[in-house]
PDB file of all heavy atoms in Angstrom:
ATOM      1  N   ILE A   1      99.092 214.192-281.233  1.00  0.00           N
ATOM      2  CA  ILE A   1     100.449 214.415-281.624  1.00  0.00           C
ATOM      3  C   ILE A   1     101.362 214.513-280.357  1.00  0.00           C
ATOM      4  O   ILE A   1     102.373 213.886-280.271  1.00  0.00           O
ATOM      5  CB  ILE A   1     100.698 215.610-282.473  1.00  0.00           C
ATOM      6  CG1 ILE A   1      99.819 215.603-283.742  1.00  0.00           C
ATOM      7  CG2 ILE A   1     102.185 215.858-282.826  1.00  0.00           C
ATOM      8  CD1 ILE A   1     100.146 214.398-284.603  1.00  0.00           C
ATOM      9  N   LYS A   2     100.889 215.328-279.392  1.00  0.00           N
ATOM     10  CA  LYS A   2     101.696 215.477-278.105  1.00  0.00           C
ATOM     11  C   LYS A   2     100.725 215.917-277.068  1.00  0.00           C
ATOM     12  O   LYS A   2      99.664 216.554-277.263  1.00  0.00           O
ATOM     13  CB  LYS A   2     102.847 216.497-278.306  1.00  0.00           C
ATOM     14  CG  LYS A   2     102.348 217.874-278.591  1.00  0.00           C
ATOM     15  CD  LYS A   2     103.631 218.824-278.671  1.00  0.00           C
ATOM     16  CE  LYS A   2     103.184 220.225-279.047  1.00  0.00           C
ATOM     17  NZ  LYS A   2     104.312 221.035-279.241  1.00  0.00           N
ATOM     18  N   GLY A   3     101.090 215.703-275.848  1.00  0.00           N
ATOM     19  CA  GLY A   3     100.337 216.040-274.640  1.00  0.00           C
ATOM     20  C   GLY A   3      99.145 215.077-274.539  1.00  0.00           C
ATOM     21  O   GLY A   3      99.084 213.983-275.149  1.00  0.00           O
ATOM     22  N   PHE A   4      98.152 215.422-273.664  1.00  0.00           N
ATOM     23  CA  PHE A   4      97.049 214.546-273.416  1.00  0.00           C
ATOM     24  C   PHE A   4      95.709 215.309-273.218  1.00  0.00           C
ATOM     25  O   PHE A   4      94.689 214.734-273.559  1.00  0.00           O
ATOM     26  CB  PHE A   4      97.299 213.828-272.090  1.00  0.00           C
ATOM     27  CG  PHE A   4      96.353 212.697-271.746  1.00  0.00           C
ATOM     28  CD1 PHE A   4      96.263 211.628-272.753  1.00  0.00           C
ATOM     29  CD2 PHE A   4      95.746 212.552-270.561  1.00  0.00           C
ATOM     30  CE1 PHE A   4      95.394 210.604-272.492  1.00  0.00           C
ATOM     31  CE2 PHE A   4      94.834 211.474-270.314  1.00  0.00           C
ATOM     32  CZ  PHE A   4      94.746 210.538-271.214  1.00  0.00           C
ATOM     33  N   ARG A   5      95.872 216.585-272.778  1.00  0.00           N
ATOM     34  CA  ARG A   5      94.594 217.353-272.643  1.00  0.00           C
ATOM     35  C   ARG A   5      94.726 218.716-273.358  1.00  0.00           C
ATOM     36  O   ARG A   5      95.688 219.439-273.243  1.00  0.00           O
ATOM     37  CB  ARG A   5      94.323 217.617-271.116  1.00  0.00           C
ATOM     38  CG  ARG A   5      93.810 216.344-270.444  1.00  0.00           C
ATOM     39  CD  ARG A   5      93.580 216.618-268.975  1.00  0.00           C
ATOM     40  NE  ARG A   5      92.934 215.406-268.396  1.00  0.00           N
ATOM     41  CZ  ARG A   5      93.569 214.453-267.788  1.00  0.00           C
ATOM     42  NH1 ARG A   5      94.935 214.471-267.797  1.00  0.00           N
ATOM     43  NH2 ARG A   5      92.962 213.395-267.321  1.00  0.00           N
ATOM     44  N   ALA A   6      93.655 219.056-274.152  1.00  0.00           N
ATOM     45  CA  ALA A   6      93.635 220.313-274.847  1.00  0.00           C
ATOM     46  C   ALA A   6      92.514 221.181-274.313  1.00  0.00           C
ATOM     47  O   ALA A   6      91.467 220.623-273.736  1.00  0.00           O
ATOM     48  CB  ALA A   6      93.452 220.045-276.370  1.00  0.00           C
ATOM     49  N   TYR A   7      92.607 222.483-274.589  1.00  0.00           N
ATOM     50  CA  TYR A   7      91.581 223.323-274.047  1.00  0.00           C
ATOM     51  C   TYR A   7      91.041 224.299-275.210  1.00  0.00           C
ATOM     52  O   TYR A   7      91.814 224.850-275.952  1.00  0.00           O
ATOM     53  CB  TYR A   7      92.125 224.239-272.933  1.00  0.00           C
ATOM     54  CG  TYR A   7      92.532 223.306-271.772  1.00  0.00           C
ATOM     55  CD1 TYR A   7      93.699 222.742-271.706  1.00  0.00           C
ATOM     56  CD2 TYR A   7      91.496 223.049-270.806  1.00  0.00           C
ATOM     57  CE1 TYR A   7      94.066 221.853-270.679  1.00  0.00           C
ATOM     58  CE2 TYR A   7      91.895 222.142-269.770  1.00  0.00           C
ATOM     59  CZ  TYR A   7      93.123 221.545-269.703  1.00  0.00           C
ATOM     60  OH  TYR A   7      93.339 220.688-268.691  1.00  0.00           O
ATOM     61  N   ILE A   8      89.740 224.390-275.337  1.00  0.00           N
ATOM     62  CA  ILE A   8      89.085 225.276-276.284  1.00  0.00           C
ATOM     63  C   ILE A   8      88.514 226.384-275.557  1.00  0.00           C
ATOM     64  O   ILE A   8      87.641 226.268-274.677  1.00  0.00           O
ATOM     65  CB  ILE A   8      87.991 224.548-277.098  1.00  0.00           C
ATOM     66  CG1 ILE A   8      88.540 223.309-277.751  1.00  0.00           C
ATOM     67  CG2 ILE A   8      87.435 225.569-278.125  1.00  0.00           C
ATOM     68  CD1 ILE A   8      87.463 222.433-278.428  1.00  0.00           C
ATOM     69  N   ALA A   9      88.950 227.654-275.812  1.00  0.00           N
ATOM     70  CA  ALA A   9      88.370 228.808-275.262  1.00  0.00           C
ATOM     71  C   ALA A   9      87.519 229.506-276.374  1.00  0.00           C
ATOM     72  O   ALA A   9      87.975 229.501-277.499  1.00  0.00           O
ATOM     73  CB  ALA A   9      89.536 229.721-274.700  1.00  0.00           C
ATOM     74  N   VAL A  10      86.406 229.994-276.007  1.00  0.00           N
ATOM     75  CA  VAL A  10      85.631 230.841-276.938  1.00  0.00           C
ATOM     76  C   VAL A  10      85.417 232.219-276.343  1.00  0.00           C
ATOM     77  O   VAL A  10      85.477 232.449-275.158  1.00  0.00           O
ATOM     78  CB  VAL A  10      84.261 230.205-277.135  1.00  0.00           C
ATOM     79  CG1 VAL A  10      84.359 228.837-277.689  1.00  0.00           C
ATOM     80  CG2 VAL A  10      83.430 230.170-275.830  1.00  0.00           C
ATOM     81  N   PHE A  11      85.254 233.161-277.212  1.00  0.00           N
ATOM     82  CA  PHE A  11      85.012 234.578-276.813  1.00  0.00           C
ATOM     83  C   PHE A  11      83.945 234.621-275.829  1.00  0.00           C
ATOM     84  O   PHE A  11      82.825 234.184-276.004  1.00  0.00           O
ATOM     85  CB  PHE A  11      84.722 235.415-278.029  1.00  0.00           C
ATOM     86  CG  PHE A  11      84.395 236.860-277.719  1.00  0.00           C
ATOM     87  CD1 PHE A  11      85.415 237.810-277.483  1.00  0.00           C
ATOM     88  CD2 PHE A  11      83.071 237.331-277.617  1.00  0.00           C
ATOM     89  CE1 PHE A  11      85.082 239.141-277.146  1.00  0.00           C
ATOM     90  CE2 PHE A  11      82.739 238.591-277.316  1.00  0.00           C
ATOM     91  CZ  PHE A  11      83.790 239.497-277.025  1.00  0.00           C
ATOM     92  N   GLY A  12      84.205 235.239-274.653  1.00  0.00           N
ATOM     93  CA  GLY A  12      83.226 235.349-273.527  1.00  0.00           C
ATOM     94  C   GLY A  12      83.109 234.177-272.715  1.00  0.00           C
ATOM     95  O   GLY A  12      82.328 234.273-271.707  1.00  0.00           O
ATOM     96  N   GLY A  13      83.676 233.044-273.007  1.00  0.00           N
ATOM     97  CA  GLY A  13      83.582 231.855-272.185  1.00  0.00           C
ATOM     98  C   GLY A  13      82.279 231.056-272.492  1.00  0.00           C
ATOM     99  O   GLY A  13      81.281 231.533-273.035  1.00  0.00           O
ATOM    100  N   PHE A  14      82.213 229.855-272.053  1.00  0.00           N
ATOM    101  CA  PHE A  14      81.036 229.038-272.190  1.00  0.00           C
ATOM    102  C   PHE A  14      79.964 229.389-271.175  1.00  0.00           C
ATOM    103  O   PHE A  14      80.332 229.761-269.990  1.00  0.00           O
ATOM    104  CB  PHE A  14      81.429 227.531-271.991  1.00  0.00           C
ATOM    105  CG  PHE A  14      82.171 226.983-273.245  1.00  0.00           C
ATOM    106  CD1 PHE A  14      83.544 227.077-273.256  1.00  0.00           C
ATOM    107  CD2 PHE A  14      81.465 226.388-274.233  1.00  0.00           C
ATOM    108  CE1 PHE A  14      84.225 226.558-274.384  1.00  0.00           C
ATOM    109  CE2 PHE A  14      82.151 225.848-275.363  1.00  0.00           C
ATOM    110  CZ  PHE A  14      83.545 225.960-275.396  1.00  0.00           C
ATOM    111  N   LYS A  15      78.745 229.407-271.555  1.00  0.00           N
ATOM    112  CA  LYS A  15      77.573 229.870-270.698  1.00  0.00           C
ATOM    113  C   LYS A  15      76.789 228.761-270.329  1.00  0.00           C
ATOM    114  O   LYS A  15      75.507 228.705-270.438  1.00  0.00           O
ATOM    115  CB  LYS A  15      76.746 230.912-271.446  1.00  0.00           C
ATOM    116  CG  LYS A  15      77.429 232.025-272.048  1.00  0.00           C
ATOM    117  CD  LYS A  15      78.200 232.929-271.070  1.00  0.00           C
ATOM    118  CE  LYS A  15      78.942 234.113-271.744  1.00  0.00           C
ATOM    119  NZ  LYS A  15      79.718 234.900-270.812  1.00  0.00           N
ATOM    120  N   THR A  16      77.394 227.694-269.786  1.00  0.00           N
ATOM    121  CA  THR A  16      76.699 226.475-269.344  1.00  0.00           C
ATOM    122  C   THR A  16      76.229 226.538-267.944  1.00  0.00           C
ATOM    123  O   THR A  16      76.292 227.620-267.336  1.00  0.00           O
ATOM    124  CB  THR A  16      77.581 225.243-269.622  1.00  0.00           C
ATOM    125  OG1 THR A  16      78.863 225.462-269.007  1.00  0.00           O
ATOM    126  CG2 THR A  16      77.761 225.087-271.080  1.00  0.00           C
ATOM    127  N   GLU A  17      75.817 225.385-267.334  1.00  0.00           N
ATOM    128  CA  GLU A  17      75.343 225.420-265.953  1.00  0.00           C
ATOM    129  C   GLU A  17      76.359 225.786-264.960  1.00  0.00           C
ATOM    130  O   GLU A  17      77.459 225.314-264.895  1.00  0.00           O
ATOM    131  CB  GLU A  17      74.907 223.960-265.679  1.00  0.00           C
ATOM    132  CG  GLU A  17      74.273 223.705-264.336  1.00  0.00           C
ATOM    133  CD  GLU A  17      73.968 222.203-264.099  1.00  0.00           C
ATOM    134  OE1 GLU A  17      74.565 221.390-264.801  1.00  0.00           O
ATOM    135  OE2 GLU A  17      73.121 221.931-263.228  1.00  0.00           O
ATOM    136  N   LYS A  18      75.990 226.683-264.033  1.00  0.00           N
ATOM    137  CA  LYS A  18      76.796 227.162-262.953  1.00  0.00           C
ATOM    138  C   LYS A  18      76.269 226.672-261.666  1.00  0.00           C
ATOM    139  O   LYS A  18      75.079 226.974-261.260  1.00  0.00           O
ATOM    140  CB  LYS A  18      76.947 228.700-263.038  1.00  0.00           C
ATOM    141  CG  LYS A  18      77.958 229.234-262.054  1.00  0.00           C
ATOM    142  CD  LYS A  18      78.069 230.811-262.252  1.00  0.00           C
ATOM    143  CE  LYS A  18      79.204 231.325-261.426  1.00  0.00           C
ATOM    144  NZ  LYS A  18      79.272 232.861-261.601  1.00  0.00           N
ATOM    145  N   VAL A  19      77.108 225.970-260.863  1.00  0.00           N
ATOM    146  CA  VAL A  19      76.638 225.475-259.563  1.00  0.00           C
ATOM    147  C   VAL A  19      77.666 225.733-258.530  1.00  0.00           C
ATOM    148  O   VAL A  19      78.861 225.522-258.770  1.00  0.00           O
ATOM    149  CB  VAL A  19      76.388 223.899-259.649  1.00  0.00           C
ATOM    150  CG1 VAL A  19      76.024 223.373-258.316  1.00  0.00           C
ATOM    151  CG2 VAL A  19      75.411 223.546-260.703  1.00  0.00           C
ATOM    152  N   MET A  20      77.246 226.303-257.410  1.00  0.00           N
ATOM    153  CA  MET A  20      78.175 226.642-256.280  1.00  0.00           C
ATOM    154  C   MET A  20      79.304 227.557-256.845  1.00  0.00           C
ATOM    155  O   MET A  20      80.565 227.362-256.497  1.00  0.00           O
ATOM    156  CB  MET A  20      78.814 225.395-255.604  1.00  0.00           C
ATOM    157  CG  MET A  20      77.798 224.507-255.043  1.00  0.00           C
ATOM    158  SD  MET A  20      78.508 223.070-254.230  1.00  0.00           S
ATOM    159  CE  MET A  20      77.036 222.193-253.580  1.00  0.00           C
ATOM    160  N   GLY A  21      79.022 228.500-257.688  1.00  0.00           N
ATOM    161  CA  GLY A  21      79.962 229.496-258.137  1.00  0.00           C
ATOM    162  C   GLY A  21      80.918 229.079-259.182  1.00  0.00           C
ATOM    163  O   GLY A  21      81.862 229.735-259.546  1.00  0.00           O
ATOM    164  N   SER A  22      80.741 227.853-259.750  1.00  0.00           N
ATOM    165  CA  SER A  22      81.620 227.323-260.793  1.00  0.00           C
ATOM    166  C   SER A  22      80.882 226.605-261.838  1.00  0.00           C
ATOM    167  O   SER A  22      79.805 225.981-261.693  1.00  0.00           O
ATOM    168  CB  SER A  22      82.578 226.360-260.100  1.00  0.00           C
ATOM    169  OG  SER A  22      83.341 225.684-261.119  1.00  0.00           O
ATOM    170  N   TYR A  23      81.453 226.718-263.055  1.00  0.00           N
ATOM    171  CA  TYR A  23      80.924 225.906-264.294  1.00  0.00           C
ATOM    172  C   TYR A  23      81.520 224.544-264.358  1.00  0.00           C
ATOM    173  O   TYR A  23      81.116 223.853-265.310  1.00  0.00           O
ATOM    174  CB  TYR A  23      81.202 226.769-265.530  1.00  0.00           C
ATOM    175  CG  TYR A  23      80.525 228.140-265.637  1.00  0.00           C
ATOM    176  CD1 TYR A  23      81.148 229.256-265.076  1.00  0.00           C
ATOM    177  CD2 TYR A  23      79.289 228.243-266.194  1.00  0.00           C
ATOM    178  CE1 TYR A  23      80.489 230.510-265.218  1.00  0.00           C
ATOM    179  CE2 TYR A  23      78.610 229.489-266.265  1.00  0.00           C
ATOM    180  CZ  TYR A  23      79.294 230.581-265.764  1.00  0.00           C
ATOM    181  OH  TYR A  23      78.675 231.813-265.872  1.00  0.00           O
ATOM    182  N   SER A  24      82.406 224.235-263.543  1.00  0.00           N
ATOM    183  CA  SER A  24      83.105 222.942-263.661  1.00  0.00           C
ATOM    184  C   SER A  24      82.247 221.766-263.522  1.00  0.00           C
ATOM    185  O   SER A  24      81.471 221.667-262.512  1.00  0.00           O
ATOM    186  CB  SER A  24      84.261 222.848-262.669  1.00  0.00           C
ATOM    187  OG  SER A  24      85.213 223.743-262.900  1.00  0.00           O
ATOM    188  N   MET A  25      82.188 220.923-264.534  1.00  0.00           N
ATOM    189  CA  MET A  25      81.323 219.665-264.533  1.00  0.00           C
ATOM    190  C   MET A  25      81.905 218.687-263.570  1.00  0.00           C
ATOM    191  O   MET A  25      83.118 218.400-263.507  1.00  0.00           O
ATOM    192  CB  MET A  25      81.233 219.101-265.951  1.00  0.00           C
ATOM    193  CG  MET A  25      80.368 219.971-266.831  1.00  0.00           C
ATOM    194  SD  MET A  25      80.315 219.092-268.551  1.00  0.00           S
ATOM    195  CE  MET A  25      79.035 220.135-269.271  1.00  0.00           C
ATOM    196  N   TYR A  26      81.044 218.137-262.780  1.00  0.00           N
ATOM    197  CA  TYR A  26      81.410 217.030-261.822  1.00  0.00           C
ATOM    198  C   TYR A  26      80.230 216.238-261.462  1.00  0.00           C
ATOM    199  O   TYR A  26      79.131 216.676-261.175  1.00  0.00           O
ATOM    200  CB  TYR A  26      82.026 217.557-260.533  1.00  0.00           C
ATOM    201  CG  TYR A  26      82.618 216.614-259.668  1.00  0.00           C
ATOM    202  CD1 TYR A  26      83.847 215.962-259.863  1.00  0.00           C
ATOM    203  CD2 TYR A  26      81.803 216.118-258.579  1.00  0.00           C
ATOM    204  CE1 TYR A  26      84.291 214.928-259.019  1.00  0.00           C
ATOM    205  CE2 TYR A  26      82.335 215.082-257.676  1.00  0.00           C
ATOM    206  CZ  TYR A  26      83.505 214.542-257.961  1.00  0.00           C
ATOM    207  OH  TYR A  26      84.016 213.543-257.126  1.00  0.00           O
ATOM    208  N   HIS A  27      80.361 214.901-261.441  1.00  0.00           N
ATOM    209  CA  HIS A  27      79.282 213.949-261.137  1.00  0.00           C
ATOM    210  C   HIS A  27      78.576 214.313-259.802  1.00  0.00           C
ATOM    211  O   HIS A  27      79.288 214.479-258.805  1.00  0.00           O
ATOM    212  CB  HIS A  27      79.900 212.530-261.133  1.00  0.00           C
ATOM    213  CG  HIS A  27      78.823 211.441-260.851  1.00  0.00           C
ATOM    214  ND1 HIS A  27      77.831 211.140-261.782  1.00  0.00           N
ATOM    215  CD2 HIS A  27      78.641 210.612-259.798  1.00  0.00           C
ATOM    216  CE1 HIS A  27      77.052 210.260-261.240  1.00  0.00           C
ATOM    217  NE2 HIS A  27      77.564 209.849-260.082  1.00  0.00           N
ATOM    218  N   ASN A  28      77.256 214.368-259.939  1.00  0.00           N
ATOM    219  CA  ASN A  28      76.416 214.582-258.665  1.00  0.00           C
ATOM    220  C   ASN A  28      76.455 216.019-258.202  1.00  0.00           C
ATOM    221  O   ASN A  28      75.776 216.355-257.249  1.00  0.00           O
ATOM    222  CB  ASN A  28      76.727 213.645-257.501  1.00  0.00           C
ATOM    223  CG  ASN A  28      76.260 212.221-257.809  1.00  0.00           C
ATOM    224  OD1 ASN A  28      75.373 212.024-258.639  1.00  0.00           O
ATOM    225  ND2 ASN A  28      76.800 211.199-257.164  1.00  0.00           N
ATOM    226  N   ILE A  29      77.317 216.859-258.790  1.00  0.00           N
ATOM    227  CA  ILE A  29      77.263 218.303-258.525  1.00  0.00           C
ATOM    228  C   ILE A  29      76.525 219.070-259.661  1.00  0.00           C
ATOM    229  O   ILE A  29      75.644 219.784-259.421  1.00  0.00           O
ATOM    230  CB  ILE A  29      78.673 218.840-258.306  1.00  0.00           C
ATOM    231  CG1 ILE A  29      79.387 218.119-257.206  1.00  0.00           C
ATOM    232  CG2 ILE A  29      78.672 220.379-258.053  1.00  0.00           C
ATOM    233  CD1 ILE A  29      78.765 218.321-255.818  1.00  0.00           C
ATOM    234  N   THR A  30      76.992 218.860-260.871  1.00  0.00           N
ATOM    235  CA  THR A  30      76.305 219.369-262.002  1.00  0.00           C
ATOM    236  C   THR A  30      75.430 218.250-262.657  1.00  0.00           C
ATOM    237  O   THR A  30      75.610 217.084-262.365  1.00  0.00           O
ATOM    238  CB  THR A  30      77.310 219.923-263.042  1.00  0.00           C
ATOM    239  OG1 THR A  30      78.318 218.904-263.288  1.00  0.00           O
ATOM    240  CG2 THR A  30      77.961 221.148-262.493  1.00  0.00           C
ATOM    241  N   SER A  31      74.587 218.625-263.523  1.00  0.00           N
ATOM    242  CA  SER A  31      73.655 217.604-264.127  1.00  0.00           C
ATOM    243  C   SER A  31      74.315 216.628-264.974  1.00  0.00           C
ATOM    244  O   SER A  31      73.922 215.567-265.152  1.00  0.00           O
ATOM    245  CB  SER A  31      72.514 218.353-264.916  1.00  0.00           C
ATOM    246  OG  SER A  31      73.105 219.177-265.900  1.00  0.00           O
ATOM    247  N   LYS A  32      75.521 217.025-265.506  1.00  0.00           N
ATOM    248  CA  LYS A  32      76.314 216.201-266.360  1.00  0.00           C
ATOM    249  C   LYS A  32      77.761 216.296-265.884  1.00  0.00           C
ATOM    250  O   LYS A  32      78.169 217.334-265.443  1.00  0.00           O
ATOM    251  CB  LYS A  32      76.200 216.463-267.796  1.00  0.00           C
ATOM    252  CG  LYS A  32      74.860 216.175-268.345  1.00  0.00           C
ATOM    253  CD  LYS A  32      74.834 216.415-269.837  1.00  0.00           C
ATOM    254  CE  LYS A  32      73.556 216.061-270.516  1.00  0.00           C
ATOM    255  NZ  LYS A  32      73.572 216.241-272.032  1.00  0.00           N
ATOM    256  N   SER A  33      78.555 215.215-266.071  1.00  0.00           N
ATOM    257  CA  SER A  33      79.970 215.155-265.778  1.00  0.00           C
ATOM    258  C   SER A  33      80.799 215.422-267.041  1.00  0.00           C
ATOM    259  O   SER A  33      82.027 215.651-266.901  1.00  0.00           O
ATOM    260  CB  SER A  33      80.439 213.926-265.011  1.00  0.00           C
ATOM    261  OG  SER A  33      80.232 212.779-265.878  1.00  0.00           O
ATOM    262  N   ARG A  34      80.182 215.313-268.216  1.00  0.00           N
ATOM    263  CA  ARG A  34      80.919 215.547-269.382  1.00  0.00           C
ATOM    264  C   ARG A  34      79.889 215.909-270.524  1.00  0.00           C
ATOM    265  O   ARG A  34      78.728 215.721-270.346  1.00  0.00           O
ATOM    266  CB  ARG A  34      81.709 214.294-269.893  1.00  0.00           C
ATOM    267  CG  ARG A  34      80.833 213.086-270.187  1.00  0.00           C
ATOM    268  CD  ARG A  34      81.649 211.812-270.516  1.00  0.00           C
ATOM    269  NE  ARG A  34      82.117 211.173-269.281  1.00  0.00           N
ATOM    270  CZ  ARG A  34      82.841 210.055-269.257  1.00  0.00           C
ATOM    271  NH1 ARG A  34      83.191 209.547-270.427  1.00  0.00           N
ATOM    272  NH2 ARG A  34      83.275 209.500-268.151  1.00  0.00           N
ATOM    273  N   ILE A  35      80.369 216.462-271.557  1.00  0.00           N
ATOM    274  CA  ILE A  35      79.409 216.701-272.692  1.00  0.00           C
ATOM    275  C   ILE A  35      79.064 215.416-273.420  1.00  0.00           C
ATOM    276  O   ILE A  35      79.791 214.517-273.383  1.00  0.00           O
ATOM    277  CB  ILE A  35      80.032 217.756-273.701  1.00  0.00           C
ATOM    278  CG1 ILE A  35      81.231 217.216-274.446  1.00  0.00           C
ATOM    279  CG2 ILE A  35      80.309 219.073-272.924  1.00  0.00           C
ATOM    280  CD1 ILE A  35      81.689 218.159-275.560  1.00  0.00           C
ATOM    281  N   GLU A  36      77.925 215.464-274.127  1.00  0.00           N
ATOM    282  CA  GLU A  36      77.473 214.311-274.811  1.00  0.00           C
ATOM    283  C   GLU A  36      76.919 214.729-276.248  1.00  0.00           C
ATOM    284  O   GLU A  36      76.612 215.876-276.430  1.00  0.00           O
ATOM    285  CB  GLU A  36      76.272 213.672-274.013  1.00  0.00           C
ATOM    286  CG  GLU A  36      76.610 213.124-272.612  1.00  0.00           C
ATOM    287  CD  GLU A  36      75.520 212.620-271.799  1.00  0.00           C
ATOM    288  OE1 GLU A  36      74.321 212.796-272.269  1.00  0.00           O
ATOM    289  OE2 GLU A  36      75.664 212.072-270.729  1.00  0.00           O
ATOM    290  N   LYS A  37      76.858 213.691-277.076  1.00  0.00           N
ATOM    291  CA  LYS A  37      76.295 213.946-278.401  1.00  0.00           C
ATOM    292  C   LYS A  37      74.895 214.600-278.404  1.00  0.00           C
ATOM    293  O   LYS A  37      74.165 214.173-277.531  1.00  0.00           O
ATOM    294  CB  LYS A  37      76.362 212.675-279.174  1.00  0.00           C
ATOM    295  CG  LYS A  37      75.929 212.803-280.670  1.00  0.00           C
ATOM    296  CD  LYS A  37      75.970 211.416-281.332  1.00  0.00           C
ATOM    297  CE  LYS A  37      75.567 211.609-282.803  1.00  0.00           C
ATOM    298  NZ  LYS A  37      75.733 210.256-283.457  1.00  0.00           N
ATOM    299  N   HIS A  38      74.687 215.535-279.193  1.00  0.00           N
ATOM    300  CA  HIS A  38      73.435 216.327-279.247  1.00  0.00           C
ATOM    301  C   HIS A  38      73.336 217.439-278.206  1.00  0.00           C
ATOM    302  O   HIS A  38      72.357 218.170-278.235  1.00  0.00           O
ATOM    303  CB  HIS A  38      72.203 215.421-279.214  1.00  0.00           C
ATOM    304  CG  HIS A  38      72.250 214.296-280.203  1.00  0.00           C
ATOM    305  ND1 HIS A  38      72.394 214.507-281.597  1.00  0.00           N
ATOM    306  CD2 HIS A  38      71.991 212.914-280.104  1.00  0.00           C
ATOM    307  CE1 HIS A  38      72.313 213.399-282.241  1.00  0.00           C
ATOM    308  NE2 HIS A  38      72.086 212.391-281.356  1.00  0.00           N
ATOM    309  N   ASP A  39      74.264 217.571-277.260  1.00  0.00           N
ATOM    310  CA  ASP A  39      74.188 218.693-276.363  1.00  0.00           C
ATOM    311  C   ASP A  39      74.366 220.011-277.100  1.00  0.00           C
ATOM    312  O   ASP A  39      74.878 220.089-278.225  1.00  0.00           O
ATOM    313  CB  ASP A  39      75.357 218.597-275.349  1.00  0.00           C
ATOM    314  CG  ASP A  39      75.121 217.624-274.208  1.00  0.00           C
ATOM    315  OD1 ASP A  39      73.966 217.105-274.104  1.00  0.00           O
ATOM    316  OD2 ASP A  39      76.001 217.409-273.414  1.00  0.00           O
TER     317      ASP A  39
END
């Protein structure tokens, strides 16, 4: 409807892979750069 990027926050935050002090996904830093089906 409007805008381009949305954000989903969950209580307590997501508990995914943490690398170099951050959970931010990035190619060749974390194991994945984006979420995928069946994750």
